[in-house]
Amino acid sequence: MDTSENKMPSQAQKAYELIEEMIVSLKLEPGQKISENLLSERLGIGRTPIREALQKLAYEGTVIITPRSGITISEIDMTDQFRLIEVRRGLERIMANRAAQFASVTEKEQFAALSEEFMKTAKANDESMFIQADREFNQLLADSARNKYARLAMSSIQAQTRRFWFLYFKHFGDLPKVCRLHAAIASAIAEGNEEKAEKASDSLIDYVEEYTTRTIKAI
């Protein structure tokens, strides 16, 4: 198993999650200049873990580190969204299939609980609940798929697509539908049904593609 592969030390991981959430939620805006000192003071975390987190974010493409020029939040490239979806479709199908095959009993129980959480979120139509459930789902999927290469590839794609989602979803998205689509994937994995997990994954990406097309046409 490779559930421990590519995981950062706890403080660096905490810094990564906090900074990534600030980028995704646009608290740190595209084009904005930032510094290790500023983030360290704002988050109450030392500069070394902040630096490690920023290096990971730079690898994923959400920040740009330029020697002597500093650190900048990258712009959101609209034209890249369909290329990201194309790759994401294949990767998520593979990961859903592998998770259905290789998830432990405990992990399947967690997927079942997440399926219920997504359905509760759909009824509540609560964006903050969805962001938390989605983060847990993505982490659990990456762990249970037992493929470090898929994990690495997806981390970069998710970092880019989540920003696009957050920027426009309130205007063009359907949160209850997205929650139900995630719930279907989690439920299929909990059942250990590989074919059902693949189909549920494809249904989610079909919606993402349709939403992206509608959004780009409207803006």
C-alpha atoms as a PDB file:
ATOM      1  CA  MET A   1       0.000   0.000   0.000  1.00  0.00           C
ATOM      2  CA  ASP A   2       1.151   3.573  -0.559  1.00  0.00           C
ATOM      3  CA  THR A   3      -1.192   5.523   1.679  1.00  0.00           C
ATOM      4  CA  SER A   4       1.787   7.203   3.316  1.00  0.00           C
ATOM      5  CA  GLU A   5       3.434   8.195   0.025  1.00  0.00           C
ATOM      6  CA  ASN A   6       3.983  11.881  -0.723  1.00  0.00           C
ATOM      7  CA  LYS A   7       2.615  13.127   2.575  1.00  0.00           C
ATOM      8  CA  MET A   8       4.184  16.243   4.072  1.00  0.00           C
ATOM      9  CA  PRO A   9       5.274  16.728   7.701  1.00  0.00           C
ATOM     10  CA  SER A  10       2.319  17.789   9.838  1.00  0.00           C
ATOM     11  CA  GLN A  11       3.127  21.515  10.128  1.00  0.00           C
ATOM     12  CA  ALA A  12       3.909  21.801   6.423  1.00  0.00           C
ATOM     13  CA  GLN A  13       0.704  19.911   5.594  1.00  0.00           C
ATOM     14  CA  LYS A  14      -1.288  22.219   7.865  1.00  0.00           C
ATOM     15  CA  ALA A  15       0.301  25.243   6.167  1.00  0.00           C
ATOM     16  CA  TYR A  16      -0.427  23.761   2.739  1.00  0.00           C
ATOM     17  CA  GLU A  17      -4.100  23.159   3.537  1.00  0.00           C
ATOM     18  CA  LEU A  18      -4.588  26.642   4.988  1.00  0.00           C
ATOM     19  CA  ILE A  19      -2.832  28.452   2.134  1.00  0.00           C
ATOM     20  CA  GLU A  20      -4.515  26.295  -0.514  1.00  0.00           C
ATOM     21  CA  GLU A  21      -7.915  27.074   1.006  1.00  0.00           C
ATOM     22  CA  MET A  22      -7.089  30.793   0.959  1.00  0.00           C
ATOM     23  CA  ILE A  23      -6.179  30.505  -2.728  1.00  0.00           C
ATOM     24  CA  VAL A  24      -9.230  28.428  -3.647  1.00  0.00           C
ATOM     25  CA  SER A  25     -11.610  30.722  -1.751  1.00  0.00           C
ATOM     26  CA  LEU A  26      -9.940  33.763  -3.385  1.00  0.00           C
ATOM     27  CA  LYS A  27      -8.867  35.253  -0.058  1.00  0.00           C
ATOM     28  CA  LEU A  28      -5.548  35.277  -1.877  1.00  0.00           C
ATOM     29  CA  GLU A  29      -6.488  36.587  -5.316  1.00  0.00           C
ATOM     30  CA  PRO A  30      -4.969  35.715  -8.708  1.00  0.00           C
ATOM     31  CA  GLY A  31      -2.006  37.992  -9.371  1.00  0.00           C
ATOM     32  CA  GLN A  32      -1.576  38.909  -5.697  1.00  0.00           C
ATOM     33  CA  LYS A  33       1.978  39.092  -4.299  1.00  0.00           C
ATOM     34  CA  ILE A  34       2.616  37.214  -1.053  1.00  0.00           C
ATOM     35  CA  SER A  35       5.633  36.469   1.144  1.00  0.00           C
ATOM     36  CA  GLU A  36       6.761  33.759   3.538  1.00  0.00           C
ATOM     37  CA  ASN A  37       6.896  36.318   6.366  1.00  0.00           C
ATOM     38  CA  LEU A  38       3.359  37.547   5.763  1.00  0.00           C
ATOM     39  CA  LEU A  39       1.924  34.022   5.652  1.00  0.00           C
ATOM     40  CA  SER A  40       3.939  32.944   8.690  1.00  0.00           C
ATOM     41  CA  GLU A  41       2.553  35.836  10.745  1.00  0.00           C
ATOM     42  CA  ARG A  42      -0.984  35.415   9.437  1.00  0.00           C
ATOM     43  CA  LEU A  43      -1.145  31.660  10.058  1.00  0.00           C
ATOM     44  CA  GLY A  44       1.063  31.427  13.147  1.00  0.00           C
ATOM     45  CA  ILE A  45       3.263  28.809  11.490  1.00  0.00           C
ATOM     46  CA  GLY A  46       7.061  28.905  11.107  1.00  0.00           C
ATOM     47  CA  ARG A  47       8.711  29.928   7.858  1.00  0.00           C
ATOM     48  CA  THR A  48      10.183  26.483   7.108  1.00  0.00           C
ATOM     49  CA  PRO A  49       6.795  24.708   6.881  1.00  0.00           C
ATOM     50  CA  ILE A  50       5.402  27.722   4.996  1.00  0.00           C
ATOM     51  CA  ARG A  51       8.254  27.399   2.485  1.00  0.00           C
ATOM     52  CA  GLU A  52       7.591  23.661   2.043  1.00  0.00           C
ATOM     53  CA  ALA A  53       3.887  24.332   1.514  1.00  0.00           C
ATOM     54  CA  LEU A  54       4.601  27.023  -1.070  1.00  0.00           C
ATOM     55  CA  GLN A  55       6.936  24.689  -2.949  1.00  0.00           C
ATOM     56  CA  LYS A  56       4.143  22.128  -3.196  1.00  0.00           C
ATOM     57  CA  LEU A  57       1.674  24.787  -4.334  1.00  0.00           C
ATOM     58  CA  ALA A  58       4.185  25.959  -6.945  1.00  0.00           C
ATOM     59  CA  TYR A  59       4.453  22.380  -8.213  1.00  0.00           C
ATOM     60  CA  GLU A  60       0.656  22.262  -8.463  1.00  0.00           C
ATOM     61  CA  GLY A  61       0.623  25.565 -10.341  1.00  0.00           C
ATOM     62  CA  THR A  62      -1.368  27.784  -7.984  1.00  0.00           C
ATOM     63  CA  VAL A  63       1.616  29.922  -6.980  1.00  0.00           C
ATOM     64  CA  ILE A  64       4.602  31.143  -8.981  1.00  0.00           C
ATOM     65  CA  ILE A  65       7.961  31.486  -7.222  1.00  0.00           C
ATOM     66  CA  THR A  66      10.350  33.764  -9.089  1.00  0.00           C
ATOM     67  CA  PRO A  67      13.896  34.346  -7.779  1.00  0.00           C
ATOM     68  CA  ARG A  68      14.380  37.983  -6.670  1.00  0.00           C
ATOM     69  CA  SER A  69      10.777  38.789  -7.641  1.00  0.00           C
ATOM     70  CA  GLY A  70       8.936  36.921  -4.894  1.00  0.00           C
ATOM     71  CA  ILE A  71       5.806  34.789  -4.816  1.00  0.00           C
ATOM     72  CA  THR A  72       2.660  35.435  -6.842  1.00  0.00           C
ATOM     73  CA  ILE A  73      -0.734  33.716  -6.895  1.00  0.00           C
ATOM     74  CA  SER A  74      -1.143  32.377 -10.424  1.00  0.00           C
ATOM     75  CA  GLU A  75      -3.942  33.538 -12.701  1.00  0.00           C
ATOM     76  CA  ILE A  76      -6.866  31.234 -13.546  1.00  0.00           C
ATOM     77  CA  ASP A  77      -6.507  30.115 -17.170  1.00  0.00           C
ATOM     78  CA  MET A  78     -10.000  29.649 -18.621  1.00  0.00           C
ATOM     79  CA  THR A  79      -8.731  27.905 -21.755  1.00  0.00           C
ATOM     80  CA  ASP A  80      -7.019  25.255 -19.638  1.00  0.00           C
ATOM     81  CA  GLN A  81     -10.229  24.094 -17.968  1.00  0.00           C
ATOM     82  CA  PHE A  82     -11.264  21.665 -20.710  1.00  0.00           C
ATOM     83  CA  ARG A  83      -7.768  20.179 -20.913  1.00  0.00           C
ATOM     84  CA  LEU A  84      -7.863  19.672 -17.163  1.00  0.00           C
ATOM     85  CA  ILE A  85     -11.280  18.001 -17.413  1.00  0.00           C
ATOM     86  CA  GLU A  86     -10.023  15.661 -20.141  1.00  0.00           C
ATOM     87  CA  VAL A  87      -7.218  14.391 -17.922  1.00  0.00           C
ATOM     88  CA  ARG A  88      -9.348  14.463 -14.777  1.00  0.00           C
ATOM     89  CA  ARG A  89     -11.982  12.195 -16.355  1.00  0.00           C
ATOM     90  CA  GLY A  90      -9.527   9.366 -16.946  1.00  0.00           C
ATOM     91  CA  LEU A  91      -7.734   9.751 -13.640  1.00  0.00           C
ATOM     92  CA  GLU A  92     -10.871   9.890 -11.516  1.00  0.00           C
ATOM     93  CA  ARG A  93     -12.306   6.846 -13.257  1.00  0.00           C
ATOM     94  CA  ILE A  94      -9.114   4.903 -12.501  1.00  0.00           C
ATOM     95  CA  MET A  95      -9.043   6.090  -8.907  1.00  0.00           C
ATOM     96  CA  ALA A  96     -12.709   5.292  -8.299  1.00  0.00           C
ATOM     97  CA  ASN A  97     -12.209   1.801  -9.741  1.00  0.00           C
ATOM     98  CA  ARG A  98      -9.091   1.157  -7.651  1.00  0.00           C
ATOM     99  CA  ALA A  99     -10.680   2.538  -4.493  1.00  0.00           C
ATOM    100  CA  ALA A 100     -13.618   0.157  -4.949  1.00  0.00           C
ATOM    101  CA  GLN A 101     -11.093  -2.687  -5.308  1.00  0.00           C
ATOM    102  CA  PHE A 102      -8.553  -1.822  -2.641  1.00  0.00           C
ATOM    103  CA  ALA A 103     -10.233   0.278   0.051  1.00  0.00           C
ATOM    104  CA  SER A 104     -10.018  -1.309   3.481  1.00  0.00           C
ATOM    105  CA  VAL A 105     -13.099  -2.079   5.542  1.00  0.00           C
ATOM    106  CA  THR A 106     -12.485   1.077   7.571  1.00  0.00           C
ATOM    107  CA  GLU A 107     -12.087   3.175   4.431  1.00  0.00           C
ATOM    108  CA  LYS A 108     -15.300   1.774   2.962  1.00  0.00           C
ATOM    109  CA  GLU A 109     -17.085   2.737   6.163  1.00  0.00           C
ATOM    110  CA  GLN A 110     -15.663   6.236   5.769  1.00  0.00           C
ATOM    111  CA  PHE A 111     -16.909   6.390   2.180  1.00  0.00           C
ATOM    112  CA  ALA A 112     -20.372   5.309   3.354  1.00  0.00           C
ATOM    113  CA  ALA A 113     -20.339   8.060   5.983  1.00  0.00           C
ATOM    114  CA  LEU A 114     -19.213  10.603   3.388  1.00  0.00           C
ATOM    115  CA  SER A 115     -22.028   9.551   1.074  1.00  0.00           C
ATOM    116  CA  GLU A 116     -24.492  10.358   3.856  1.00  0.00           C
ATOM    117  CA  GLU A 117     -22.698  13.647   4.550  1.00  0.00           C
ATOM    118  CA  PHE A 118     -22.951  14.677   0.899  1.00  0.00           C
ATOM    119  CA  MET A 119     -26.688  13.946   0.933  1.00  0.00           C
ATOM    120  CA  LYS A 120     -27.126  16.047   4.087  1.00  0.00           C
ATOM    121  CA  THR A 121     -25.169  18.820   2.408  1.00  0.00           C
ATOM    122  CA  ALA A 122     -27.398  18.582  -0.669  1.00  0.00           C
ATOM    123  CA  LYS A 123     -30.474  19.108   1.502  1.00  0.00           C
ATOM    124  CA  ALA A 124     -28.846  21.970   3.407  1.00  0.00           C
ATOM    125  CA  ASN A 125     -27.436  23.509   0.188  1.00  0.00           C
ATOM    126  CA  ASP A 126     -24.462  24.567   2.313  1.00  0.00           C
ATOM    127  CA  GLU A 127     -21.275  25.475   0.444  1.00  0.00           C
ATOM    128  CA  SER A 128     -18.983  25.357   3.486  1.00  0.00           C
ATOM    129  CA  MET A 129     -20.221  21.851   4.334  1.00  0.00           C
ATOM    130  CA  PHE A 130     -19.499  20.793   0.768  1.00  0.00           C
ATOM    131  CA  ILE A 131     -15.959  22.201   0.766  1.00  0.00           C
ATOM    132  CA  GLN A 132     -15.135  20.209   3.906  1.00  0.00           C
ATOM    133  CA  ALA A 133     -16.758  16.989   2.666  1.00  0.00           C
ATOM    134  CA  ASP A 134     -15.096  17.373  -0.734  1.00  0.00           C
ATOM    135  CA  ARG A 135     -11.649  17.769   0.850  1.00  0.00           C
ATOM    136  CA  GLU A 136     -12.193  14.624   2.945  1.00  0.00           C
ATOM    137  CA  PHE A 137     -13.485  12.736  -0.098  1.00  0.00           C
ATOM    138  CA  ASN A 138     -10.510  13.707  -2.262  1.00  0.00           C
ATOM    139  CA  GLN A 139      -8.038  12.691   0.446  1.00  0.00           C
ATOM    140  CA  LEU A 140      -9.768   9.375   1.099  1.00  0.00           C
ATOM    141  CA  LEU A 141      -9.984   8.613  -2.616  1.00  0.00           C
ATOM    142  CA  ALA A 142      -6.275   9.354  -3.056  1.00  0.00           C
ATOM    143  CA  ASP A 143      -5.392   7.119  -0.098  1.00  0.00           C
ATOM    144  CA  SER A 144      -7.617   4.183  -0.982  1.00  0.00           C
ATOM    145  CA  ALA A 145      -6.734   4.076  -4.696  1.00  0.00           C
ATOM    146  CA  ARG A 146      -3.227   2.899  -3.690  1.00  0.00           C
ATOM    147  CA  ASN A 147      -1.500   4.620  -6.611  1.00  0.00           C
ATOM    148  CA  LYS A 148       1.035   7.337  -5.815  1.00  0.00           C
ATOM    149  CA  TYR A 149       1.269   8.489  -9.444  1.00  0.00           C
ATOM    150  CA  ALA A 150      -2.471   9.056  -9.713  1.00  0.00           C
ATOM    151  CA  ARG A 151      -2.335  10.897  -6.374  1.00  0.00           C
ATOM    152  CA  LEU A 152       0.385  13.258  -7.633  1.00  0.00           C
ATOM    153  CA  ALA A 153      -1.379  13.942 -10.921  1.00  0.00           C
ATOM    154  CA  MET A 154      -4.747  14.587  -9.282  1.00  0.00           C
ATOM    155  CA  SER A 155      -3.371  16.957  -6.641  1.00  0.00           C
ATOM    156  CA  SER A 156      -2.276  19.393  -9.342  1.00  0.00           C
ATOM    157  CA  ILE A 157      -5.530  19.119 -11.307  1.00  0.00           C
ATOM    158  CA  GLN A 158      -7.733  19.552  -8.245  1.00  0.00           C
ATOM    159  CA  ALA A 159      -5.812  22.643  -7.164  1.00  0.00           C
ATOM    160  CA  GLN A 160      -6.627  24.304 -10.489  1.00  0.00           C
ATOM    161  CA  THR A 161     -10.228  23.138 -10.911  1.00  0.00           C
ATOM    162  CA  ARG A 162     -11.285  23.996  -7.342  1.00  0.00           C
ATOM    163  CA  ARG A 163     -10.363  27.669  -7.886  1.00  0.00           C
ATOM    164  CA  PHE A 164     -12.459  27.854 -11.046  1.00  0.00           C
ATOM    165  CA  TRP A 165     -15.339  26.170  -9.219  1.00  0.00           C
ATOM    166  CA  PHE A 166     -15.240  28.565  -6.272  1.00  0.00           C
ATOM    167  CA  LEU A 167     -15.027  31.653  -8.480  1.00  0.00           C
ATOM    168  CA  TYR A 168     -18.139  30.943 -10.550  1.00  0.00           C
ATOM    169  CA  PHE A 169     -20.183  28.215  -8.856  1.00  0.00           C
ATOM    170  CA  LYS A 170     -22.539  30.533  -6.975  1.00  0.00           C
ATOM    171  CA  HIS A 171     -23.649  31.989 -10.304  1.00  0.00           C
ATOM    172  CA  PHE A 172     -23.723  28.926 -12.558  1.00  0.00           C
ATOM    173  CA  GLY A 173     -23.555  25.784 -10.414  1.00  0.00           C
ATOM    174  CA  ASP A 174     -26.043  23.398  -8.819  1.00  0.00           C
ATOM    175  CA  LEU A 175     -24.670  22.467  -5.389  1.00  0.00           C
ATOM    176  CA  PRO A 176     -27.320  19.864  -4.455  1.00  0.00           C
ATOM    177  CA  LYS A 177     -26.696  18.053  -7.751  1.00  0.00           C
ATOM    178  CA  VAL A 178     -22.926  18.086  -7.247  1.00  0.00           C
ATOM    179  CA  CYS A 179     -23.409  16.698  -3.738  1.00  0.00           C
ATOM    180  CA  ARG A 180     -25.616  13.871  -5.021  1.00  0.00           C
ATOM    181  CA  LEU A 181     -23.059  13.001  -7.712  1.00  0.00           C
ATOM    182  CA  HIS A 182     -20.281  12.813  -5.118  1.00  0.00           C
ATOM    183  CA  ALA A 183     -22.521  10.748  -2.845  1.00  0.00           C
ATOM    184  CA  ALA A 184     -23.058   8.225  -5.657  1.00  0.00           C
ATOM    185  CA  ILE A 185     -19.308   7.730  -6.115  1.00  0.00           C
ATOM    186  CA  ALA A 186     -18.718   7.359  -2.383  1.00  0.00           C
ATOM    187  CA  SER A 187     -21.591   4.882  -2.085  1.00  0.00           C
ATOM    188  CA  ALA A 188     -20.333   2.747  -4.986  1.00  0.00           C
ATOM    189  CA  ILE A 189     -16.837   2.595  -3.494  1.00  0.00           C
ATOM    190  CA  ALA A 190     -18.304   1.694  -0.098  1.00  0.00           C
ATOM    191  CA  GLU A 191     -20.086  -1.210  -1.814  1.00  0.00           C
ATOM    192  CA  GLY A 192     -16.886  -2.298  -3.572  1.00  0.00           C
ATOM    193  CA  ASN A 193     -18.666  -2.024  -6.928  1.00  0.00           C
ATOM    194  CA  GLU A 194     -15.963  -1.069  -9.449  1.00  0.00           C
ATOM    195  CA  GLU A 195     -18.235  -0.649 -12.486  1.00  0.00           C
ATOM    196  CA  LYS A 196     -20.738   1.440 -10.559  1.00  0.00           C
ATOM    197  CA  ALA A 197     -17.925   3.605  -9.171  1.00  0.00           C
ATOM    198  CA  GLU A 198     -16.584   4.263 -12.686  1.00  0.00           C
ATOM    199  CA  LYS A 199     -20.024   5.195 -14.013  1.00  0.00           C
ATOM    200  CA  ALA A 200     -20.674   7.492 -11.052  1.00  0.00           C
ATOM    201  CA  SER A 201     -17.301   9.154 -11.618  1.00  0.00           C
ATOM    202  CA  ASP A 202     -18.121   9.697 -15.304  1.00  0.00           C
ATOM    203  CA  SER A 203     -21.471  11.233 -14.346  1.00  0.00           C
ATOM    204  CA  LEU A 204     -19.722  13.749 -12.110  1.00  0.00           C
ATOM    205  CA  ILE A 205     -17.234  14.721 -14.821  1.00  0.00           C
ATOM    206  CA  ASP A 206     -20.078  14.984 -17.363  1.00  0.00           C
ATOM    207  CA  TYR A 207     -21.648  17.578 -15.077  1.00  0.00           C
ATOM    208  CA  VAL A 208     -18.322  19.373 -14.530  1.00  0.00           C
ATOM    209  CA  GLU A 209     -17.832  19.602 -18.295  1.00  0.00           C
ATOM    210  CA  GLU A 210     -21.372  20.890 -18.858  1.00  0.00           C
ATOM    211  CA  TYR A 211     -21.014  23.437 -16.037  1.00  0.00           C
ATOM    212  CA  THR A 212     -17.645  24.625 -17.376  1.00  0.00           C
ATOM    213  CA  THR A 213     -19.031  25.053 -20.905  1.00  0.00           C
ATOM    214  CA  ARG A 214     -22.021  27.028 -19.618  1.00  0.00           C
ATOM    215  CA  THR A 215     -19.848  29.191 -17.380  1.00  0.00           C
ATOM    216  CA  ILE A 216     -17.234  30.092 -20.000  1.00  0.00           C
ATOM    217  CA  LYS A 217     -19.954  31.003 -22.501  1.00  0.00           C
ATOM    218  CA  ALA A 218     -21.557  33.304 -19.947  1.00  0.00           C
ATOM    219  CA  ILE A 219     -18.504  35.225 -18.764  1.00  0.00           C
END
